[in-house]
Amino acid sequence: MVDIHHAGPYFAMMLAALAFASLPLFRSADRDGPQPGKRTDTLDGLRGFLALSVFAAHTVVHYEYLRSGVWKPSSAQFYNVAGLLGVCLFFMVTGFLFWTKLLKAGGRPGWRALYIGRVFRLGPVYLVVVLTMIGVVAYRTGFRLQVPASEAIASTSAWLALGIVPPPPTINGYADTGTILAGVTWTLFFEWLFYFSLPLLAVFVRRGRHLAFTGGLVAVCLLTIVAATWNGGFVAGVKPRPVLMLAVLAELILLFASGMFVASLLHAGIGERLRLQRRRWAVLALLCLALVFAAMLDLRNLGMLSLLALCPLAATFLWIVCSGNRLFGVLAWPASRRLSSLSYGIYLGQGLALLAVFAIPGVKAYAMSGTLAFWLVNTACALVLVTGALAVYLWIEEPGIRMGRRWARRLRARSDALLPLASTG
């Protein structure tokens, strides 16, 4: 019997990934060294841990899937919370980074360049991963149409839409389509919704009301959660009341809004006198994460306390980190920064890594034979995932980013060339 409830293997997996990323092989993922004056510098050491936390959560979900054939949250509450916190902080980081872009540009960034950059940043890796998933589906369905051709084309096209539209649950009638990628692509839909909302939200930056707006949005979301969960929260196995869906929506908005609020605080210089870069504030940041776990460990009954604790505590952690605190130097380690460079590939590729390793003859039986064997195999999966993410970064992701920048420069140059003609006309 495999024990999936101990937290020790999570930290062992993280240390193994860090040690692996320290090898000379990963020097090609190095970017510029730590830059103390750059506020987002600490985020360049954080995102790898977030992606690996989601992977660690999915290893125990994968264990339950191998036993029952159903992909669902596991009974290992520590890993459920670790994965949930990783996703939540990813959303907050997105809110922080793009609100910071708007603040620096006075609410008038180059919109075409921004969206071209997003398409070329997210698109190439996403397409490669989804096309691989489609290949697996085709193989498992015998390379034969199981549904009408029009339905197969429609579902495949939706999956290839870069996450801009929610993809259908199946392709060619294959019920486990989403599990091939560990179900991770759902987050891209909400990220795109946020990106498309930015031109509207930029109005508050242009009018100098960014701090009041983001603070007010956070407050409204928190009040909505209180009102929607006042008479009880989510209980496992019980159909939720419709009003609780309002709490879920408020929580999703709150994740982005919290990151935006942190960006507004830093832009306004609030907290500078606290010198949040000091080591003592790192203790508070880690304490915030510990309190999130304490509040969320009983996910069988997700109520008002859990939902209210998550964002304020995680946002406080993010505020301290984005103020330049490197968490006792961990976020400045070269291995941490390399893993963060590879984080997008780690996040999207985790299902394929599990699929590839467990497809090796004898691996599944060995992994399911005991606790040590299970975590050894999944740690090996993590190393395979990191290696694959390195290849994806070097051959697909980074070239895609460079191509997006070239397209944006060409469009900007073309627009600049047309301006004199427009003025003379």
Foldseek 3Di string as FASTA:
>chain_A
DADLQDCVLLVVLVVLLLVLCVDPVLPVLDDDAQDQVALCSLVLLVLLQLLSLLLSQLLQQVVVCVVPVDRDGDPRLVSVLSNVLSLLLVLLQLLQVVLLVLLVVLLDDPLVLVVLLVCLQQQFLQQVLLVVLVVVVCVVVVVDQLDDPVQLVVQSVQSNPSLCHPHDCDHSPDNCSCLLQPVQSNSRNLSNVVSVCSNVLSVCSNVVNQLVVLVVLLVVLLVLQCVLQVPFAAAPPDDDDPSNVSNVVSLSSNSSSLSSNLNVCVSVVNPVVVVLQDQVVLVLLVVLVVVLCVQCSPVNGDGSSNSNSSRVSNSSSVSSSSSRHNSVVSSSDSSSSSSSSLSSQSNRCSSNLVVVLVVPPPLVVQLVPYHVSVSVSSSVSSSVSSVVSSVCSVPRNVVSSVVSVVVVVVVVVVVVVCVVVVVVD
